[in-house]
Amino acid sequence: MVTKMRDEYHSYNAGDIVYVFYRNPHTQDVTNIQEAAVVNNPENPNELALFLYETYYPLTSEMAVYSSEEEAEHAYQQFFAND
């Protein structure tokens, strides 16, 4: 069972708390920083997943995942400050 994933910037382990951008599914122009948990993917034991709002999302290197709320806030300001 995989309990660790590494991308070019971070290493993630099951049990880590991370921060992601989350778009409100009812109001697509609203984006927030949301805390998520890194967990073992229940559908594929060889992968890690993000657990967010009672849903599992496969954790891939294509996702924007931040290890601290401050890091996420800085990136959020860069991406969304002019919106």
PDB file of N, CA and C in Angstrom:
ATOM      1  N   MET A   1       0.840  -1.174   0.000  1.00  0.00           N
ATOM      2  CA  MET A   1       0.000   0.000   0.000  1.00  0.00           C
ATOM      3  C   MET A   1       0.891   1.245   0.000  1.00  0.00           C
ATOM      4  N   VAL A   2       0.643   2.162  -0.918  1.00  0.00           N
ATOM      5  CA  VAL A   2       1.409   3.394  -1.005  1.00  0.00           C
ATOM      6  C   VAL A   2       0.911   4.354   0.066  1.00  0.00           C
ATOM      7  N   THR A   3       1.817   4.878   0.843  1.00  0.00           N
ATOM      8  CA  THR A   3       1.449   5.870   1.834  1.00  0.00           C
ATOM      9  C   THR A   3       2.246   7.149   1.659  1.00  0.00           C
ATOM     10  N   LYS A   4       2.974   7.240   0.532  1.00  0.00           N
ATOM     11  CA  LYS A   4       3.799   8.415   0.283  1.00  0.00           C
ATOM     12  C   LYS A   4       3.781   8.748  -1.197  1.00  0.00           C
ATOM     13  N   MET A   5       3.742  10.029  -1.512  1.00  0.00           N
ATOM     14  CA  MET A   5       3.840  10.490  -2.894  1.00  0.00           C
ATOM     15  C   MET A   5       4.790  11.666  -2.914  1.00  0.00           C
ATOM     16  N   ARG A   6       5.580  11.762  -3.934  1.00  0.00           N
ATOM     17  CA  ARG A   6       6.517  12.872  -4.062  1.00  0.00           C
ATOM     18  C   ARG A   6       6.318  13.496  -5.431  1.00  0.00           C
ATOM     19  N   ASP A   7       6.168  14.832  -5.445  1.00  0.00           N
ATOM     20  CA  ASP A   7       6.216  15.545  -6.719  1.00  0.00           C
ATOM     21  C   ASP A   7       7.527  16.322  -6.724  1.00  0.00           C
ATOM     22  N   GLU A   8       7.729  17.198  -7.677  1.00  0.00           N
ATOM     23  CA  GLU A   8       9.036  17.850  -7.763  1.00  0.00           C
ATOM     24  C   GLU A   8       9.270  18.847  -6.633  1.00  0.00           C
ATOM     25  N   TYR A   9       8.222  19.221  -5.883  1.00  0.00           N
ATOM     26  CA  TYR A   9       8.372  20.211  -4.822  1.00  0.00           C
ATOM     27  C   TYR A   9       8.092  19.672  -3.418  1.00  0.00           C
ATOM     28  N   HIS A  10       7.208  18.691  -3.282  1.00  0.00           N
ATOM     29  CA  HIS A  10       6.764  18.240  -1.969  1.00  0.00           C
ATOM     30  C   HIS A  10       6.687  16.719  -1.891  1.00  0.00           C
ATOM     31  N   SER A  11       6.706  16.249  -0.680  1.00  0.00           N
ATOM     32  CA  SER A  11       6.471  14.841  -0.408  1.00  0.00           C
ATOM     33  C   SER A  11       5.231  14.764   0.477  1.00  0.00           C
ATOM     34  N   TYR A  12       4.286  13.918   0.122  1.00  0.00           N
ATOM     35  CA  TYR A  12       3.037  13.795   0.872  1.00  0.00           C
ATOM     36  C   TYR A  12       2.926  12.409   1.473  1.00  0.00           C
ATOM     37  N   ASN A  13       2.384  12.355   2.661  1.00  0.00           N
ATOM     38  CA  ASN A  13       2.171  11.101   3.360  1.00  0.00           C
ATOM     39  C   ASN A  13       0.715  11.040   3.813  1.00  0.00           C
ATOM     40  N   ALA A  14       0.179   9.828   3.889  1.00  0.00           N
ATOM     41  CA  ALA A  14      -1.157   9.662   4.442  1.00  0.00           C
ATOM     42  C   ALA A  14      -1.156  10.262   5.845  1.00  0.00           C
ATOM     43  N   GLY A  15      -2.167  11.065   6.123  1.00  0.00           N
ATOM     44  CA  GLY A  15      -2.268  11.741   7.410  1.00  0.00           C
ATOM     45  C   GLY A  15      -1.874  13.209   7.363  1.00  0.00           C
ATOM     46  N   ASP A  16      -1.211  13.641   6.277  1.00  0.00           N
ATOM     47  CA  ASP A  16      -0.844  15.056   6.146  1.00  0.00           C
ATOM     48  C   ASP A  16      -2.086  15.913   5.955  1.00  0.00           C
ATOM     49  N   ILE A  17      -2.031  17.132   6.451  1.00  0.00           N
ATOM     50  CA  ILE A  17      -3.058  18.140   6.175  1.00  0.00           C
ATOM     51  C   ILE A  17      -2.449  19.105   5.171  1.00  0.00           C
ATOM     52  N   VAL A  18      -3.174  19.373   4.092  1.00  0.00           N
ATOM     53  CA  VAL A  18      -2.709  20.259   3.020  1.00  0.00           C
ATOM     54  C   VAL A  18      -3.810  21.263   2.700  1.00  0.00           C
ATOM     55  N   TYR A  19      -3.506  22.183   1.808  1.00  0.00           N
ATOM     56  CA  TYR A  19      -4.452  23.230   1.435  1.00  0.00           C
ATOM     57  C   TYR A  19      -4.574  23.268  -0.085  1.00  0.00           C
ATOM     58  N   VAL A  20      -5.793  23.419  -0.570  1.00  0.00           N
ATOM     59  CA  VAL A  20      -6.081  23.432  -2.007  1.00  0.00           C
ATOM     60  C   VAL A  20      -7.042  24.568  -2.310  1.00  0.00           C
ATOM     61  N   PHE A  21      -7.123  24.935  -3.582  1.00  0.00           N
ATOM     62  CA  PHE A  21      -8.151  25.870  -4.023  1.00  0.00           C
ATOM     63  C   PHE A  21      -9.397  25.062  -4.329  1.00  0.00           C
ATOM     64  N   TYR A  22     -10.536  25.552  -3.885  1.00  0.00           N
ATOM     65  CA  TYR A  22     -11.792  24.832  -4.090  1.00  0.00           C
ATOM     66  C   TYR A  22     -12.816  25.805  -4.649  1.00  0.00           C
ATOM     67  N   ARG A  23     -13.343  25.463  -5.813  1.00  0.00           N
ATOM     68  CA  ARG A  23     -14.402  26.289  -6.417  1.00  0.00           C
ATOM     69  C   ARG A  23     -15.746  25.807  -5.922  1.00  0.00           C
ATOM     70  N   ASN A  24     -16.558  26.740  -5.516  1.00  0.00           N
ATOM     71  CA  ASN A  24     -17.905  26.430  -5.063  1.00  0.00           C
ATOM     72  C   ASN A  24     -18.681  25.851  -6.238  1.00  0.00           C
ATOM     73  N   PRO A  25     -19.214  24.629  -6.107  1.00  0.00           N
ATOM     74  CA  PRO A  25     -19.916  24.017  -7.240  1.00  0.00           C
ATOM     75  C   PRO A  25     -21.209  24.739  -7.616  1.00  0.00           C
ATOM     76  N   HIS A  26     -21.732  25.539  -6.707  1.00  0.00           N
ATOM     77  CA  HIS A  26     -22.982  26.271  -6.976  1.00  0.00           C
ATOM     78  C   HIS A  26     -22.737  27.683  -7.485  1.00  0.00           C
ATOM     79  N   THR A  27     -21.559  28.211  -7.214  1.00  0.00           N
ATOM     80  CA  THR A  27     -21.186  29.550  -7.651  1.00  0.00           C
ATOM     81  C   THR A  27     -19.767  29.471  -8.183  1.00  0.00           C
ATOM     82  N   GLN A  28     -19.623  29.179  -9.469  1.00  0.00           N
ATOM     83  CA  GLN A  28     -18.324  28.889 -10.057  1.00  0.00           C
ATOM     84  C   GLN A  28     -17.322  30.037  -9.976  1.00  0.00           C
ATOM     85  N   ASP A  29     -17.778  31.265  -9.766  1.00  0.00           N
ATOM     86  CA  ASP A  29     -16.822  32.365  -9.701  1.00  0.00           C
ATOM     87  C   ASP A  29     -16.309  32.605  -8.278  1.00  0.00           C
ATOM     88  N   VAL A  30     -16.595  31.704  -7.346  1.00  0.00           N
ATOM     89  CA  VAL A  30     -16.111  31.806  -5.975  1.00  0.00           C
ATOM     90  C   VAL A  30     -15.097  30.693  -5.730  1.00  0.00           C
ATOM     91  N   THR A  31     -13.881  31.095  -5.366  1.00  0.00           N
ATOM     92  CA  THR A  31     -12.820  30.142  -5.055  1.00  0.00           C
ATOM     93  C   THR A  31     -12.307  30.431  -3.659  1.00  0.00           C
ATOM     94  N   ASN A  32     -12.121  29.379  -2.878  1.00  0.00           N
ATOM     95  CA  ASN A  32     -11.617  29.514  -1.517  1.00  0.00           C
ATOM     96  C   ASN A  32     -10.441  28.585  -1.307  1.00  0.00           C
ATOM     97  N   ILE A  33      -9.660  28.890  -0.284  1.00  0.00           N
ATOM     98  CA  ILE A  33      -8.622  27.972   0.156  1.00  0.00           C
ATOM     99  C   ILE A  33      -9.287  27.028   1.144  1.00  0.00           C
ATOM    100  N   GLN A  34      -9.083  25.733   0.946  1.00  0.00           N
ATOM    101  CA  GLN A  34      -9.732  24.742   1.794  1.00  0.00           C
ATOM    102  C   GLN A  34      -8.712  23.742   2.320  1.00  0.00           C
ATOM    103  N   GLU A  35      -8.839  23.401   3.585  1.00  0.00           N
ATOM    104  CA  GLU A  35      -7.996  22.368   4.179  1.00  0.00           C
ATOM    105  C   GLU A  35      -8.479  21.005   3.710  1.00  0.00           C
ATOM    106  N   ALA A  36      -7.547  20.106   3.414  1.00  0.00           N
ATOM    107  CA  ALA A  36      -7.877  18.742   2.985  1.00  0.00           C
ATOM    108  C   ALA A  36      -6.899  17.777   3.647  1.00  0.00           C
ATOM    109  N   ALA A  37      -7.308  16.543   3.772  1.00  0.00           N
ATOM    110  CA  ALA A  37      -6.449  15.513   4.350  1.00  0.00           C
ATOM    111  C   ALA A  37      -5.918  14.608   3.248  1.00  0.00           C
ATOM    112  N   VAL A  38      -4.638  14.245   3.349  1.00  0.00           N
ATOM    113  CA  VAL A  38      -4.063  13.237   2.467  1.00  0.00           C
ATOM    114  C   VAL A  38      -4.347  11.888   3.115  1.00  0.00           C
ATOM    115  N   VAL A  39      -4.972  11.000   2.339  1.00  0.00           N
ATOM    116  CA  VAL A  39      -5.371   9.682   2.856  1.00  0.00           C
ATOM    117  C   VAL A  39      -5.023   8.609   1.838  1.00  0.00           C
ATOM    118  N   ASN A  40      -5.042   7.367   2.273  1.00  0.00           N
ATOM    119  CA  ASN A  40      -4.924   6.258   1.322  1.00  0.00           C
ATOM    120  C   ASN A  40      -6.220   6.202   0.537  1.00  0.00           C
ATOM    121  N   ASN A  41      -6.115   6.075  -0.777  1.00  0.00           N
ATOM    122  CA  ASN A  41      -7.283   6.055  -1.648  1.00  0.00           C
ATOM    123  C   ASN A  41      -8.056   4.743  -1.425  1.00  0.00           C
ATOM    124  N   PRO A  42      -9.298   4.819  -0.968  1.00  0.00           N
ATOM    125  CA  PRO A  42     -10.051   3.591  -0.704  1.00  0.00           C
ATOM    126  C   PRO A  42     -10.387   2.807  -1.974  1.00  0.00           C
ATOM    127  N   GLU A  43     -10.376   3.468  -3.119  1.00  0.00           N
ATOM    128  CA  GLU A  43     -10.701   2.798  -4.377  1.00  0.00           C
ATOM    129  C   GLU A  43      -9.471   2.198  -5.053  1.00  0.00           C
ATOM    130  N   ASN A  44      -8.279   2.682  -4.693  1.00  0.00           N
ATOM    131  CA  ASN A  44      -7.040   2.165  -5.263  1.00  0.00           C
ATOM    132  C   ASN A  44      -5.964   2.218  -4.182  1.00  0.00           C
ATOM    133  N   PRO A  45      -5.709   1.115  -3.512  1.00  0.00           N
ATOM    134  CA  PRO A  45      -4.768   1.117  -2.395  1.00  0.00           C
ATOM    135  C   PRO A  45      -3.336   1.492  -2.763  1.00  0.00           C
ATOM    136  N   ASN A  46      -3.022   1.553  -4.044  1.00  0.00           N
ATOM    137  CA  ASN A  46      -1.673   1.936  -4.473  1.00  0.00           C
ATOM    138  C   ASN A  46      -1.527   3.432  -4.698  1.00  0.00           C
ATOM    139  N   GLU A  47      -2.526   4.205  -4.331  1.00  0.00           N
ATOM    140  CA  GLU A  47      -2.501   5.652  -4.537  1.00  0.00           C
ATOM    141  C   GLU A  47      -2.914   6.386  -3.275  1.00  0.00           C
ATOM    142  N   LEU A  48      -2.508   7.655  -3.221  1.00  0.00           N
ATOM    143  CA  LEU A  48      -2.998   8.551  -2.189  1.00  0.00           C
ATOM    144  C   LEU A  48      -4.131   9.378  -2.772  1.00  0.00           C
ATOM    145  N   ALA A  49      -4.950   9.924  -1.903  1.00  0.00           N
ATOM    146  CA  ALA A  49      -6.072  10.760  -2.326  1.00  0.00           C
ATOM    147  C   ALA A  49      -6.185  11.944  -1.369  1.00  0.00           C
ATOM    148  N   LEU A  50      -6.889  12.966  -1.824  1.00  0.00           N
ATOM    149  CA  LEU A  50      -7.274  14.070  -0.949  1.00  0.00           C
ATOM    150  C   LEU A  50      -8.699  13.809  -0.502  1.00  0.00           C
ATOM    151  N   PHE A  51      -8.951  13.992   0.770  1.00  0.00           N
ATOM    152  CA  PHE A  51     -10.299  13.848   1.298  1.00  0.00           C
ATOM    153  C   PHE A  51     -10.798  15.247   1.605  1.00  0.00           C
ATOM    154  N   LEU A  52     -11.820  15.662   0.866  1.00  0.00           N
ATOM    155  CA  LEU A  52     -12.339  17.023   0.949  1.00  0.00           C
ATOM    156  C   LEU A  52     -13.840  16.980   0.798  1.00  0.00           C
ATOM    157  N   TYR A  53     -14.554  17.546   1.741  1.00  0.00           N
ATOM    158  CA  TYR A  53     -16.024  17.577   1.708  1.00  0.00           C
ATOM    159  C   TYR A  53     -16.623  16.190   1.466  1.00  0.00           C
ATOM    160  N   GLU A  54     -16.177  15.222   2.249  1.00  0.00           N
ATOM    161  CA  GLU A  54     -16.708  13.850   2.202  1.00  0.00           C
ATOM    162  C   GLU A  54     -16.488  13.157   0.852  1.00  0.00           C
ATOM    163  N   THR A  55     -15.512  13.635   0.076  1.00  0.00           N
ATOM    164  CA  THR A  55     -15.220  13.061  -1.238  1.00  0.00           C
ATOM    165  C   THR A  55     -13.721  12.803  -1.342  1.00  0.00           C
ATOM    166  N   TYR A  56     -13.357  11.715  -2.015  1.00  0.00           N
ATOM    167  CA  TYR A  56     -11.959  11.381  -2.271  1.00  0.00           C
ATOM    168  C   TYR A  56     -11.592  11.843  -3.680  1.00  0.00           C
ATOM    169  N   TYR A  57     -10.460  12.538  -3.793  1.00  0.00           N
ATOM    170  CA  TYR A  57      -9.931  12.979  -5.080  1.00  0.00           C
ATOM    171  C   TYR A  57      -8.530  12.391  -5.224  1.00  0.00           C
ATOM    172  N   PRO A  58      -8.243  11.654  -6.306  1.00  0.00           N
ATOM    173  CA  PRO A  58      -6.893  11.104  -6.471  1.00  0.00           C
ATOM    174  C   PRO A  58      -5.849  12.224  -6.399  1.00  0.00           C
ATOM    175  N   LEU A  59      -4.813  12.007  -5.627  1.00  0.00           N
ATOM    176  CA  LEU A  59      -3.741  12.992  -5.490  1.00  0.00           C
ATOM    177  C   LEU A  59      -2.741  12.765  -6.615  1.00  0.00           C
ATOM    178  N   THR A  60      -2.656  13.742  -7.505  1.00  0.00           N
ATOM    179  CA  THR A  60      -1.734  13.653  -8.632  1.00  0.00           C
ATOM    180  C   THR A  60      -0.833  14.877  -8.653  1.00  0.00           C
ATOM    181  N   SER A  61       0.238  14.798  -9.399  1.00  0.00           N
ATOM    182  CA  SER A  61       1.166  15.930  -9.508  1.00  0.00           C
ATOM    183  C   SER A  61       0.563  17.091 -10.289  1.00  0.00           C
ATOM    184  N   GLU A  62      -0.604  16.886 -10.906  1.00  0.00           N
ATOM    185  CA  GLU A  62      -1.270  17.951 -11.653  1.00  0.00           C
ATOM    186  C   GLU A  62      -2.127  18.848 -10.760  1.00  0.00           C
ATOM    187  N   MET A  63      -2.293  18.474  -9.496  1.00  0.00           N
ATOM    188  CA  MET A  63      -3.106  19.253  -8.573  1.00  0.00           C
ATOM    189  C   MET A  63      -2.249  20.323  -7.904  1.00  0.00           C
ATOM    190  N   ALA A  64      -2.851  21.470  -7.656  1.00  0.00           N
ATOM    191  CA  ALA A  64      -2.185  22.529  -6.898  1.00  0.00           C
ATOM    192  C   ALA A  64      -2.458  22.280  -5.421  1.00  0.00           C
ATOM    193  N   VAL A  65      -1.472  21.731  -4.731  1.00  0.00           N
ATOM    194  CA  VAL A  65      -1.590  21.373  -3.324  1.00  0.00           C
ATOM    195  C   VAL A  65      -0.501  22.126  -2.573  1.00  0.00           C
ATOM    196  N   TYR A  66      -0.872  22.726  -1.454  1.00  0.00           N
ATOM    197  CA  TYR A  66       0.069  23.533  -0.680  1.00  0.00           C
ATOM    198  C   TYR A  66       0.210  22.962   0.718  1.00  0.00           C
ATOM    199  N   SER A  67       1.427  22.949   1.232  1.00  0.00           N
ATOM    200  CA  SER A  67       1.680  22.333   2.523  1.00  0.00           C
ATOM    201  C   SER A  67       1.338  23.236   3.705  1.00  0.00           C
ATOM    202  N   SER A  68       1.138  24.529   3.452  1.00  0.00           N
ATOM    203  CA  SER A  68       0.743  25.429   4.534  1.00  0.00           C
ATOM    204  C   SER A  68      -0.332  26.390   4.032  1.00  0.00           C
ATOM    205  N   GLU A  69      -1.096  26.893   4.962  1.00  0.00           N
ATOM    206  CA  GLU A  69      -2.134  27.863   4.601  1.00  0.00           C
ATOM    207  C   GLU A  69      -1.504  29.151   4.072  1.00  0.00           C
ATOM    208  N   GLU A  70      -0.353  29.533   4.619  1.00  0.00           N
ATOM    209  CA  GLU A  70       0.342  30.739   4.156  1.00  0.00           C
ATOM    210  C   GLU A  70       0.808  30.589   2.710  1.00  0.00           C
ATOM    211  N   GLU A  71       1.336  29.424   2.375  1.00  0.00           N
ATOM    212  CA  GLU A  71       1.773  29.147   1.000  1.00  0.00           C
ATOM    213  C   GLU A  71       0.576  29.204   0.046  1.00  0.00           C
ATOM    214  N   ALA A  72      -0.549  28.639   0.458  1.00  0.00           N
ATOM    215  CA  ALA A  72      -1.764  28.662  -0.361  1.00  0.00           C
ATOM    216  C   ALA A  72      -2.276  30.087  -0.524  1.00  0.00           C
ATOM    217  N   GLU A  73      -2.239  30.861   0.550  1.00  0.00           N
ATOM    218  CA  GLU A  73      -2.707  32.254   0.493  1.00  0.00           C
ATOM    219  C   GLU A  73      -1.852  33.077  -0.464  1.00  0.00           C
ATOM    220  N   HIS A  74      -0.541  32.868  -0.436  1.00  0.00           N
ATOM    221  CA  HIS A  74       0.359  33.579  -1.346  1.00  0.00           C
ATOM    222  C   HIS A  74       0.031  33.230  -2.801  1.00  0.00           C
ATOM    223  N   ALA A  75      -0.137  31.954  -3.096  1.00  0.00           N
ATOM    224  CA  ALA A  75      -0.477  31.539  -4.459  1.00  0.00           C
ATOM    225  C   ALA A  75      -1.852  32.063  -4.854  1.00  0.00           C
ATOM    226  N   TYR A  76      -2.794  32.036  -3.925  1.00  0.00           N
ATOM    227  CA  TYR A  76      -4.140  32.540  -4.190  1.00  0.00           C
ATOM    228  C   TYR A  76      -4.083  34.002  -4.620  1.00  0.00           C
ATOM    229  N   GLN A  77      -3.296  34.813  -3.913  1.00  0.00           N
ATOM    230  CA  GLN A  77      -3.161  36.227  -4.249  1.00  0.00           C
ATOM    231  C   GLN A  77      -2.567  36.405  -5.646  1.00  0.00           C
ATOM    232  N   GLN A  78      -1.602  35.562  -6.005  1.00  0.00           N
ATOM    233  CA  GLN A  78      -1.014  35.643  -7.339  1.00  0.00           C
ATOM    234  C   GLN A  78      -2.007  35.300  -8.436  1.00  0.00           C
ATOM    235  N   PHE A  79      -2.834  34.271  -8.202  1.00  0.00           N
ATOM    236  CA  PHE A  79      -3.759  33.807  -9.227  1.00  0.00           C
ATOM    237  C   PHE A  79      -5.069  34.584  -9.284  1.00  0.00           C
ATOM    238  N   PHE A  80      -5.577  35.015  -8.130  1.00  0.00           N
ATOM    239  CA  PHE A  80      -6.931  35.555  -8.089  1.00  0.00           C
ATOM    240  C   PHE A  80      -7.044  37.009  -7.638  1.00  0.00           C
ATOM    241  N   ALA A  81      -5.954  37.666  -7.324  1.00  0.00           N
ATOM    242  CA  ALA A  81      -6.014  39.036  -6.821  1.00  0.00           C
ATOM    243  C   ALA A  81      -6.649  40.002  -7.815  1.00  0.00           C
ATOM    244  N   ASN A  82      -6.506  39.757  -9.098  1.00  0.00           N
ATOM    245  CA  ASN A  82      -7.035  40.669 -10.100  1.00  0.00           C
ATOM    246  C   ASN A  82      -8.432  40.295 -10.559  1.00  0.00           C
ATOM    247  N   ASP A  83      -8.990  39.180 -10.048  1.00  0.00           N
ATOM    248  CA  ASP A  83     -10.329  38.762 -10.469  1.00  0.00           C
ATOM    249  C   ASP A  83     -11.401  39.589  -9.796  1.00  0.00           C
TER     250      ASP A  83
END
